[in-house]
């Protein structure tokens, strides 16, 4: 074992938060080592999450849009899907971005190491590779080790037909039938991809609704569309057993409405959430406080209960989103370097990249009702949007929640094509304290989907001209 190499700032995990922290610290003149157990930089998001899934979702969207042109008078022949070429394209996108991160690390003189990192104390970690073990002493450490897919006990994950969000992206084959266990965003996004590529997809969700974190009125247009595209959507359904079928594939036992049913599928995708990667890092050898769910406790400076150790991203708790991790990583790096930084975002946007997309930021209506928070709402249906109708899509809507007293924006929800791009305006409105009048008097270009944001504020203000809303009588 090599003993006691000393590092100024050690960053464990090279995902969006980890490399952002490493690069920001390096830009501020510090000596940084970036450690990751994987051979390529970028973490789960880039290598087996956000980027490859969105690459495949783009293909799925184009396939669907081509099919939808039939009602506009344009017909294409049935597309031929070369799954190997699709996989190669996805891998090329991932490789290009990962190589770019590696090049930026070299340019910034950030030392990158592929190794398993395990804490030995509040100032030491052991880095383990296939060839050696090395002890590193650090002055400061930023933990950005991320999360992993949650598992359901009793499911045979050793079977190649039982997929996780990671193995599903390998696209080894497109099954005739696929059961997605879990109706959250990962399950629905991957279900959309497999359905577009030719699989008959079913979804089983334990709770009574899809996408439990989103407002029901935003989920409704998506659920209506997926009911047509998927074979089945089974809500309030508990999976009790998955085992190999005698005829091939997988036999799945499920409980619904007090009755047990058995169905056979070629493949099963388990997508029931994620858990923080604290269980194998040796944090018990340090003074770091970890809660019952395995999340590391941090303050607004991303500092743990150990003064020289910081933590960011999925490993510190929800929401488990790459853009949250990136901002936290920059905060941790800047605090270590003596800058007056803190994580004080008023709102963090969330996006479901299905079609239609669902996005929200700030307070949701569901939260407002649960917490008895008073609010008022402006809502604009996309059926009155010229751009939406030109796209052949009228199911979308934009809604803005305003504080009842100040009229400031406290929440935004959007469902429809490109909702993920549009939600940034809502995040900015919340951060800047924009009220309804600020938004309605901001000139938006026409015809665009973005102008529905101003239209929603106009509905609230009572100044909208693209809809007729009868005046309320006192």
Protein backbone atom coordinates (compact mmCIF):
# COMPACT_ATOMS: atom_id res chain seq x y z
CA UNK A 1 0.00 0.00 0.00
CA UNK A 2 1.26 3.46 -0.96
CA UNK A 3 1.07 5.74 2.07
CA UNK A 4 -0.01 9.35 2.54
CA UNK A 5 -0.09 11.31 -0.65
CA UNK A 6 -1.44 14.73 0.38
CA UNK A 7 -4.15 16.53 -1.60
CA UNK A 8 -5.55 20.03 -1.14
CA UNK A 9 -9.11 19.30 -2.36
CA UNK A 10 -10.33 15.76 -2.99
CA UNK A 11 -13.59 15.36 -4.94
CA UNK A 12 -15.22 11.91 -4.84
CA UNK A 13 -17.55 11.40 -7.82
CA UNK A 14 -17.30 12.92 -11.31
CA UNK A 15 -20.98 13.52 -12.05
CA UNK A 16 -22.40 16.99 -12.86
CA UNK A 17 -21.88 18.13 -9.27
CA UNK A 18 -18.48 16.53 -8.82
CA UNK A 19 -16.81 17.84 -11.93
CA UNK A 20 -18.40 21.28 -11.46
CA UNK A 21 -16.93 21.42 -7.95
CA UNK A 22 -13.52 20.22 -9.13
CA UNK A 23 -13.37 22.62 -12.06
CA UNK A 24 -14.57 25.63 -10.03
CA UNK A 25 -11.97 24.96 -7.33
CA UNK A 26 -9.26 24.58 -9.97
CA UNK A 27 -10.33 27.84 -11.61
CA UNK A 28 -9.91 29.47 -8.21
CA UNK A 29 -6.30 28.32 -8.07
CA UNK A 30 -6.54 25.19 -5.91
CA UNK A 31 -4.92 21.79 -6.42
CA UNK A 32 -7.66 19.23 -7.04
CA UNK A 33 -7.93 15.45 -7.36
CA UNK A 34 -11.14 14.05 -8.93
CA UNK A 35 -11.82 10.38 -8.13
CA UNK A 36 -14.47 8.14 -9.71
CA UNK A 37 -14.92 4.36 -9.73
CA UNK A 38 -15.92 4.40 -13.42
CA UNK A 39 -13.42 4.56 -16.31
CA UNK A 40 -15.20 7.55 -17.88
CA UNK A 41 -16.04 10.90 -16.30
CA UNK A 42 -19.56 12.29 -16.05
CA UNK A 43 -21.19 10.03 -13.49
CA UNK A 44 -24.61 8.40 -13.78
CA UNK A 45 -26.21 11.41 -15.47
CA UNK A 46 -23.93 11.48 -18.47
CA UNK A 47 -23.04 7.81 -18.85
CA UNK A 48 -26.23 5.96 -17.92
CA UNK A 49 -28.92 8.49 -17.10
CA UNK A 50 -29.87 11.97 -18.28
CA UNK A 51 -27.90 12.16 -21.51
CA UNK A 52 -28.35 8.67 -23.05
CA UNK A 53 -32.05 8.60 -22.09
CA UNK A 54 -32.69 12.02 -23.66
CA UNK A 55 -30.80 10.95 -26.79
CA UNK A 56 -33.17 7.98 -27.13
CA UNK A 57 -36.21 10.09 -26.22
CA UNK A 58 -35.34 12.41 -29.12
CA UNK A 59 -35.46 9.45 -31.50
CA UNK A 60 -38.78 8.36 -29.99
CA UNK A 61 -40.21 11.87 -30.39
CA UNK A 62 -39.19 12.16 -34.04
CA UNK A 63 -40.73 8.75 -34.79
CA UNK A 64 -43.98 9.84 -33.18
CA UNK A 65 -44.01 13.22 -34.91
CA UNK A 66 -43.51 11.54 -38.28
CA UNK A 67 -46.49 9.29 -37.56
CA UNK A 68 -48.61 12.25 -36.42
CA UNK A 69 -48.18 13.99 -39.78
CA UNK A 70 -50.71 11.58 -41.28
CA UNK A 71 -53.55 13.75 -40.04
CA UNK A 72 -51.89 16.74 -41.74
CA UNK A 73 -51.74 15.01 -45.10
CA UNK A 74 -48.15 13.73 -45.05
CA UNK A 75 -47.47 9.99 -44.94
CA UNK A 76 -44.12 8.23 -44.56
CA UNK A 77 -43.38 4.57 -45.07
CA UNK A 78 -42.90 2.53 -41.91
CA UNK A 79 -39.49 3.32 -40.41
CA UNK A 80 -36.81 0.65 -40.26
CA UNK A 81 -35.05 0.59 -36.91
CA UNK A 82 -31.46 -0.64 -36.76
CA UNK A 83 -31.06 -1.11 -33.02
CA UNK A 84 -27.26 -1.46 -33.31
CA UNK A 85 -27.01 1.91 -35.07
CA UNK A 86 -29.34 3.50 -32.51
CA UNK A 87 -27.11 2.19 -29.73
CA UNK A 88 -23.98 3.40 -31.51
CA UNK A 89 -25.45 6.90 -31.89
CA UNK A 90 -26.37 7.03 -28.20
CA UNK A 91 -22.88 5.86 -27.24
CA UNK A 92 -21.28 8.43 -29.55
CA UNK A 93 -23.15 11.29 -27.85
CA UNK A 94 -22.15 10.01 -24.40
CA UNK A 95 -18.52 9.51 -25.45
CA UNK A 96 -18.26 12.97 -26.97
CA UNK A 97 -19.44 14.63 -23.77
CA UNK A 98 -17.37 12.41 -21.46
CA UNK A 99 -14.23 13.03 -23.49
CA UNK A 100 -14.96 16.74 -23.33
CA UNK A 101 -15.04 16.61 -19.53
CA UNK A 102 -11.76 14.70 -19.53
CA UNK A 103 -10.17 17.32 -21.76
CA UNK A 104 -11.40 20.15 -19.52
CA UNK A 105 -9.91 18.35 -16.52
CA UNK A 106 -6.53 18.19 -18.25
CA UNK A 107 -6.70 21.83 -19.29
CA UNK A 108 -7.42 22.83 -15.68
CA UNK A 109 -4.71 20.48 -14.36
CA UNK A 110 -7.23 18.52 -12.31
CA UNK A 111 -5.77 15.10 -11.49
CA UNK A 112 -8.28 12.35 -12.36
CA UNK A 113 -8.11 8.89 -10.78
CA UNK A 114 -10.22 5.79 -11.39
CA UNK A 115 -10.59 4.10 -8.02
CA UNK A 116 -12.98 3.11 -5.25
CA UNK A 117 -12.79 5.67 -2.43
CA UNK A 118 -13.33 4.58 1.18
CA UNK A 119 -12.96 6.88 4.19
CA UNK A 120 -10.44 5.91 6.86
CA UNK A 121 -10.89 9.03 9.00
CA UNK A 122 -11.90 12.69 8.78
CA UNK A 123 -8.74 13.42 6.79
CA UNK A 124 -7.92 10.19 4.95
CA UNK A 125 -9.38 7.96 2.27
CA UNK A 126 -8.21 4.73 0.74
CA UNK A 127 -8.21 4.62 -3.05
CA UNK A 128 -8.50 1.06 -4.33
CA UNK A 129 -7.87 -0.09 -7.89
CA UNK A 130 -7.33 -3.55 -9.38
CA UNK A 131 -3.59 -3.05 -9.03
CA UNK A 132 -3.03 -1.24 -5.74
CA UNK A 133 -4.33 0.52 -2.67
CA UNK A 134 -3.30 4.06 -1.87
CA UNK A 135 -3.95 6.23 1.16
CA UNK A 136 -4.72 9.88 0.45
CA UNK A 137 -4.62 12.60 3.07
CA UNK A 138 -6.78 15.59 2.18
CA UNK A 139 -7.18 19.10 3.54
CA UNK A 140 -10.72 19.33 2.15
CA UNK A 141 -13.05 16.76 0.61
CA UNK A 142 -16.24 17.13 -1.43
CA UNK A 143 -18.41 14.00 -1.55
CA UNK A 144 -20.35 13.79 -4.83
CA UNK A 145 -20.84 10.03 -4.96
CA UNK A 146 -24.44 10.17 -6.18
CA UNK A 147 -27.09 7.47 -5.97
CA UNK A 148 -28.02 4.04 -7.34
CA UNK A 149 -31.24 2.39 -8.47
CA UNK A 150 -33.39 1.06 -5.64
CA UNK A 151 -34.13 -2.65 -5.73
CA UNK A 152 -37.16 -4.74 -4.79
CA UNK A 153 -36.36 -7.80 -2.64
CA UNK A 154 -37.03 -11.12 -4.33
CA UNK A 155 -36.59 -9.96 -7.92
CA UNK A 156 -33.92 -11.98 -9.82
CA UNK A 157 -31.66 -9.14 -10.96
CA UNK A 158 -29.11 -11.74 -12.11
CA UNK A 159 -31.50 -12.58 -14.95
CA UNK A 160 -30.54 -10.64 -18.09
CA UNK A 161 -34.22 -9.93 -18.80
CA UNK A 162 -34.62 -8.02 -15.53
CA UNK A 163 -33.50 -4.49 -16.36
CA UNK A 164 -32.57 -1.46 -14.29
CA UNK A 165 -32.44 2.11 -15.59
CA UNK A 166 -28.75 1.43 -16.30
CA UNK A 167 -29.04 -1.87 -18.19
CA UNK A 168 -32.15 -0.72 -20.08
CA UNK A 169 -30.03 1.96 -21.74
CA UNK A 170 -27.66 -0.70 -23.10
CA UNK A 171 -30.42 -1.57 -25.64
CA UNK A 172 -29.25 -5.14 -26.15
CA UNK A 173 -32.61 -5.93 -27.73
CA UNK A 174 -36.15 -4.62 -28.07
CA UNK A 175 -38.52 -7.10 -26.39
CA UNK A 176 -41.95 -7.88 -27.74
CA UNK A 177 -43.40 -7.16 -24.29
CA UNK A 178 -41.99 -5.09 -21.43
CA UNK A 179 -43.34 -4.45 -17.93
CA UNK A 180 -42.12 -1.26 -16.28
CA UNK A 181 -42.35 -1.54 -12.49
CA UNK A 182 -42.75 2.02 -11.25
CA UNK A 183 -44.71 4.92 -12.73
CA UNK A 184 -42.17 7.63 -11.90
CA UNK A 185 -40.26 9.75 -14.35
CA UNK A 186 -37.52 7.21 -15.17
CA UNK A 187 -40.02 4.43 -15.78
CA UNK A 188 -42.27 6.52 -18.02
CA UNK A 189 -39.35 7.98 -19.98
CA UNK A 190 -37.84 4.54 -20.67
CA UNK A 191 -41.29 3.09 -21.35
CA UNK A 192 -41.78 5.82 -23.97
CA UNK A 193 -38.48 4.89 -25.64
CA UNK A 194 -39.19 1.15 -25.77
CA UNK A 195 -42.74 1.73 -27.00
CA UNK A 196 -41.52 3.95 -29.86
CA UNK A 197 -38.94 1.31 -30.80
CA UNK A 198 -41.65 -1.35 -31.12
CA UNK A 199 -42.17 -2.99 -27.71
CA UNK A 200 -45.60 -3.52 -26.18
CA UNK A 201 -45.18 -1.68 -22.87
CA UNK A 202 -47.15 -2.04 -19.64
CA UNK A 203 -46.63 -0.04 -16.45
CA UNK A 204 -47.36 -1.15 -12.88
CA UNK A 205 -47.39 1.58 -10.21
CA UNK A 206 -47.91 0.90 -6.50
CA UNK A 207 -49.56 4.29 -5.85
CA UNK A 208 -52.95 5.34 -7.29
CA UNK A 209 -51.42 7.89 -9.69
CA UNK A 210 -48.56 8.18 -12.14
CA UNK A 211 -45.80 10.68 -11.31
CA UNK A 212 -46.82 11.19 -7.66
CA UNK A 213 -44.67 14.34 -7.28
CA UNK A 214 -46.45 16.27 -10.04
CA UNK A 215 -49.84 18.02 -9.94
CA UNK A 216 -52.63 15.72 -11.25
CA UNK A 217 -53.84 18.30 -13.78
CA UNK A 218 -50.37 18.35 -15.38
CA UNK A 219 -50.15 14.55 -15.42
CA UNK A 220 -53.61 14.08 -16.95
CA UNK A 221 -52.73 14.95 -20.61
CA UNK A 222 -49.71 12.63 -20.48
CA UNK A 223 -51.67 9.80 -18.85
CA UNK A 224 -54.39 10.13 -21.51
CA UNK A 225 -51.80 9.83 -24.28
CA UNK A 226 -49.88 6.95 -22.69
CA UNK A 227 -53.09 4.94 -22.30
CA UNK A 228 -53.28 4.91 -26.10
CA UNK A 229 -49.61 4.13 -26.63
CA UNK A 230 -48.98 1.58 -23.85
CA UNK A 231 -50.60 -1.82 -23.59
CA UNK A 232 -51.66 -1.33 -19.95
CA UNK A 233 -51.25 1.16 -17.11
CA UNK A 234 -51.91 -0.63 -13.83
CA UNK A 235 -52.28 1.70 -10.83
CA UNK A 236 -52.52 0.70 -7.15
CA UNK A 237 -50.67 -2.47 -8.12
CA UNK A 238 -48.15 -4.34 -5.97
CA UNK A 239 -45.60 -6.65 -7.55
CA UNK A 240 -45.29 -9.71 -5.32
CA UNK A 241 -43.01 -11.98 -7.33
CA UNK A 242 -40.93 -12.09 -10.51
CA UNK A 243 -39.50 -15.40 -11.66
CA UNK A 244 -38.34 -17.13 -14.80
CA UNK A 245 -41.17 -18.55 -16.89
CA UNK A 246 -41.06 -22.13 -18.12
CA UNK A 247 -41.89 -20.87 -21.61
CA UNK A 248 -39.23 -18.18 -21.56
CA UNK A 249 -39.42 -14.61 -20.38
CA UNK A 250 -40.56 -13.64 -16.91
CA UNK A 251 -43.64 -14.56 -14.91
CA UNK A 252 -44.85 -11.61 -12.81
CA UNK A 253 -47.28 -11.95 -9.91
CA UNK A 254 -49.14 -8.76 -9.07
CA UNK A 255 -51.77 -7.80 -6.53
CA UNK A 256 -54.52 -5.33 -7.41
CA UNK A 257 -57.91 -4.64 -5.82
CA UNK A 258 -57.35 -7.55 -3.47
CA UNK A 259 -56.85 -9.99 -6.35
CA UNK A 260 -53.64 -11.65 -7.51
CA UNK A 261 -52.88 -11.99 -11.18
CA UNK A 262 -49.97 -13.53 -13.09
CA UNK A 263 -48.74 -12.14 -16.42
CA UNK A 264 -45.77 -13.10 -18.59
CA UNK A 265 -43.43 -10.55 -20.19
CA UNK A 266 -40.26 -10.84 -22.24
CA UNK A 267 -38.51 -8.30 -20.02
CA UNK A 268 -39.13 -6.36 -16.81
CA UNK A 269 -37.69 -2.93 -16.05
CA UNK A 270 -37.46 -2.11 -12.33
CA UNK A 271 -37.67 1.63 -11.78
CA UNK A 272 -38.77 2.35 -8.21
CA UNK A 273 -36.55 5.25 -7.20
CA UNK A 274 -32.94 5.75 -6.15
CA UNK A 275 -30.91 5.46 -2.96
CA UNK A 276 -27.79 7.40 -1.88
CA UNK A 277 -24.38 5.73 -2.27
CA UNK A 278 -23.26 6.08 1.35
CA UNK A 279 -23.36 2.41 2.28
CA UNK A 280 -19.93 1.47 0.89
CA UNK A 281 -17.94 4.66 1.50
CA UNK A 282 -16.86 4.04 5.09
CA UNK A 283 -18.52 7.21 6.37
CA UNK A 284 -18.95 5.44 9.72
CA UNK A 285 -15.19 5.97 10.25
CA UNK A 286 -15.76 9.74 10.17
CA UNK A 287 -17.83 12.24 12.13
CA UNK A 288 -20.22 12.69 9.18
CA UNK A 289 -23.88 12.54 10.19
CA UNK A 290 -26.08 10.32 8.00
CA UNK A 291 -29.88 10.09 8.34
CA UNK A 292 -32.01 6.92 8.34
CA UNK A 293 -32.39 7.01 4.54
CA UNK A 294 -28.62 7.21 4.07
CA UNK A 295 -28.47 10.89 3.09
CA UNK A 296 -25.60 13.02 4.38
CA UNK A 297 -26.65 16.04 6.43
CA UNK A 298 -25.27 19.39 5.21
CA UNK A 299 -25.83 23.09 5.90
CA UNK A 300 -26.39 25.86 3.35
CA UNK A 301 -22.65 25.93 2.65
CA UNK A 302 -22.80 22.18 1.77
CA UNK A 303 -20.65 21.47 4.82
CA UNK A 304 -21.17 18.19 6.68
CA UNK A 305 -20.83 17.74 10.43
CA UNK A 306 -17.07 17.51 9.77
CA UNK A 307 -15.63 20.97 9.10
CA UNK A 308 -13.35 19.99 6.21
CA UNK A 309 -15.76 17.62 4.45
CA UNK A 310 -18.56 18.81 2.16
CA UNK A 311 -21.25 16.86 0.31
CA UNK A 312 -23.39 17.65 -2.74
CA UNK A 313 -25.93 16.18 -5.14
CA UNK A 314 -28.06 13.06 -4.75
CA UNK A 315 -26.16 11.95 -1.66
CA UNK A 316 -27.47 14.92 0.39
CA UNK A 317 -31.15 14.40 -0.44
CA UNK A 318 -34.00 15.31 -2.73
CA UNK A 319 -34.54 16.53 -5.29
CA UNK A 320 -32.07 14.20 -6.98
CA UNK A 321 -31.42 16.39 -10.00
CA UNK A 322 -28.23 17.11 -11.93
CA UNK A 323 -28.75 20.87 -12.05
CA UNK A 324 -29.16 21.00 -8.26
CA UNK A 325 -25.91 19.07 -7.86
CA UNK A 326 -24.05 21.44 -10.20
CA UNK A 327 -25.04 24.50 -8.18
CA UNK A 328 -24.22 22.78 -4.90
CA UNK A 329 -20.82 21.77 -6.28
CA UNK A 330 -19.94 25.34 -7.15
CA UNK A 331 -21.06 26.51 -3.70
CA UNK A 332 -18.90 23.91 -1.94
CA UNK A 333 -15.85 24.82 -4.04
CA UNK A 334 -16.30 28.53 -3.48
CA UNK A 335 -16.81 28.18 0.28
CA UNK A 336 -13.61 26.10 0.55
CA UNK A 337 -11.79 28.80 -1.43
CA UNK A 338 -13.00 31.53 0.92
CA UNK A 339 -15.71 33.12 -1.22
CA UNK A 340 -19.02 34.24 0.37
CA UNK A 341 -21.16 31.52 -1.21
CA UNK A 342 -24.25 29.62 -0.01
CA UNK A 343 -26.94 27.47 -1.61
CA UNK A 344 -30.01 29.67 -1.34
CA UNK A 345 -32.02 28.86 -4.47
CA UNK A 346 -35.66 29.84 -4.01
CA UNK A 347 -36.80 27.10 -6.38
CA UNK A 348 -35.36 24.13 -8.30
CA UNK A 349 -37.13 23.16 -11.55
CA UNK A 350 -38.10 19.57 -12.32
CA UNK A 351 -38.79 18.13 -15.77
CA UNK A 352 -40.31 14.86 -16.99
CA UNK A 353 -39.00 14.34 -20.54
CA UNK A 354 -41.92 12.32 -21.84
CA UNK A 355 -44.15 13.57 -24.66
CA UNK A 356 -45.83 15.78 -23.67
CA UNK A 357 -43.18 17.01 -21.26
CA UNK A 358 -44.17 18.03 -17.74
CA UNK A 359 -42.24 20.68 -15.84
CA UNK A 360 -42.72 22.60 -12.64
CA UNK A 361 -40.79 24.91 -10.33
CA UNK A 362 -41.51 26.34 -6.91
CA UNK A 363 -44.74 25.55 -5.10
CA UNK A 364 -47.09 23.00 -6.64
CA UNK A 365 -50.84 23.17 -6.12
CA UNK A 366 -50.71 19.84 -4.34
CA UNK A 367 -48.17 21.18 -1.84
CA UNK A 368 -50.11 24.41 -1.38
CA UNK A 369 -53.27 22.49 -0.51
CA UNK A 370 -51.47 20.04 1.79
CA UNK A 371 -49.76 22.90 3.68
CA UNK A 372 -52.80 25.23 3.61
CA UNK A 373 -50.84 27.93 1.77
CA UNK A 374 -53.05 30.63 0.26
CA UNK A 375 -52.49 31.26 -3.44
CA UNK A 376 -54.20 32.51 -6.56
CA UNK A 377 -53.76 31.10 -10.05
CA UNK A 378 -53.56 32.20 -13.65
CA UNK A 379 -53.93 29.40 -16.20
CA UNK A 380 -53.78 29.41 -19.99
CA UNK A 381 -54.87 26.39 -22.10
CA UNK A 382 -52.72 25.69 -25.14
CA UNK A 383 -55.85 25.03 -27.16
CA UNK A 384 -55.91 28.83 -27.49
CA UNK A 385 -52.24 29.01 -28.58
CA UNK A 386 -51.63 29.51 -32.30
CA UNK A 387 -48.18 27.89 -32.11
CA UNK A 388 -49.50 24.86 -30.26
CA UNK A 389 -52.26 24.31 -32.82
CA UNK A 390 -49.76 24.74 -35.67
CA UNK A 391 -47.79 21.87 -34.09
CA UNK A 392 -50.93 19.75 -33.98
CA UNK A 393 -50.89 19.77 -30.19
CA UNK A 394 -53.63 21.29 -28.08
CA UNK A 395 -53.37 19.30 -24.84
CA UNK A 396 -50.89 21.59 -23.08
CA UNK A 397 -51.40 24.22 -20.42
CA UNK A 398 -49.38 26.79 -18.48
CA UNK A 399 -50.31 27.78 -14.95
CA UNK A 400 -48.74 30.24 -12.54
CA UNK A 401 -49.37 30.38 -8.81
CA UNK A 402 -49.21 33.81 -7.19
CA UNK A 403 -48.93 34.84 -3.57
CA UNK A 404 -52.38 36.00 -2.50
CA UNK A 405 -51.07 39.18 -0.84
CA UNK A 406 -48.05 40.29 -2.89
CA UNK A 407 -49.06 38.76 -6.27
CA UNK A 408 -45.49 37.51 -6.65
CA UNK A 409 -44.82 34.26 -8.51
CA UNK A 410 -44.48 31.31 -6.13
CA UNK A 411 -44.98 28.37 -8.47
CA UNK A 412 -45.23 27.47 -12.16
CA UNK A 413 -46.44 24.28 -13.85
CA UNK A 414 -46.37 23.49 -17.57
CA UNK A 415 -47.40 20.46 -19.61
CA UNK A 416 -46.82 20.26 -23.35
CA UNK A 417 -44.05 20.02 -25.95
CA UNK A 418 -40.81 21.69 -24.78
CA UNK A 419 -42.16 22.34 -21.28
CA UNK A 420 -38.65 21.63 -19.98
CA UNK A 421 -37.25 24.56 -21.94
CA UNK A 422 -40.13 26.87 -21.02
CA UNK A 423 -39.91 26.29 -17.26
CA UNK A 424 -36.69 28.31 -16.98
CA UNK A 425 -38.73 31.50 -17.32
CA UNK A 426 -40.77 30.39 -14.34
CA UNK A 427 -37.63 29.72 -12.29
CA UNK A 428 -36.30 33.18 -13.15
CA UNK A 429 -39.63 34.80 -12.24
CA UNK A 430 -39.53 33.19 -8.79
CA UNK A 431 -35.86 34.07 -8.19
CA UNK A 432 -36.38 37.69 -9.27
CA UNK A 433 -39.62 38.12 -7.32
CA UNK A 434 -41.66 38.92 -10.44
CA UNK A 435 -45.35 39.57 -9.85
CA UNK A 436 -48.25 39.00 -12.23
CA UNK A 437 -48.01 42.48 -13.74
CA UNK A 438 -44.25 42.12 -14.38
CA UNK A 439 -44.92 39.00 -16.42
CA UNK A 440 -48.02 40.18 -18.27
CA UNK A 441 -46.36 43.44 -19.31
CA UNK A 442 -43.22 41.69 -20.60
CA UNK A 443 -43.59 41.47 -24.38
CA UNK A 444 -43.29 37.86 -25.54
CA UNK A 445 -42.76 36.90 -29.21
CA UNK A 446 -45.71 35.59 -31.22
CA UNK A 447 -46.45 32.88 -32.19
CA UNK A 448 -44.49 30.90 -29.59
CA UNK A 449 -45.19 28.48 -26.79
CA UNK A 450 -43.32 30.88 -24.51
CA UNK A 451 -46.05 33.50 -24.79
CA UNK A 452 -48.41 31.16 -22.92
CA UNK A 453 -46.46 32.17 -19.82
CA UNK A 454 -47.46 35.81 -20.28
CA UNK A 455 -50.99 34.69 -21.23
CA UNK A 456 -51.34 32.85 -17.91
CA UNK A 457 -50.37 36.03 -16.05
CA UNK A 458 -52.86 37.99 -18.19
CA UNK A 459 -55.60 35.55 -17.22
CA UNK A 460 -54.79 36.27 -13.59
CA UNK A 461 -54.71 40.02 -14.22
CA UNK A 462 -57.96 39.94 -16.18
CA UNK A 463 -56.29 41.50 -19.24
CA UNK A 464 -56.12 38.48 -21.53
CA UNK A 465 -57.50 38.95 -25.05
CA UNK A 466 -56.76 35.47 -26.46
CA UNK A 467 -59.51 34.03 -24.28
CA UNK A 468 -62.92 35.25 -23.20
CA UNK A 469 -63.32 34.92 -19.46
CA UNK A 470 -66.62 36.22 -18.07
CA UNK A 471 -66.14 38.78 -15.31
CA UNK A 472 -66.87 37.59 -11.81
CA UNK A 473 -69.93 39.19 -10.25
CA UNK A 474 -69.68 40.30 -6.66
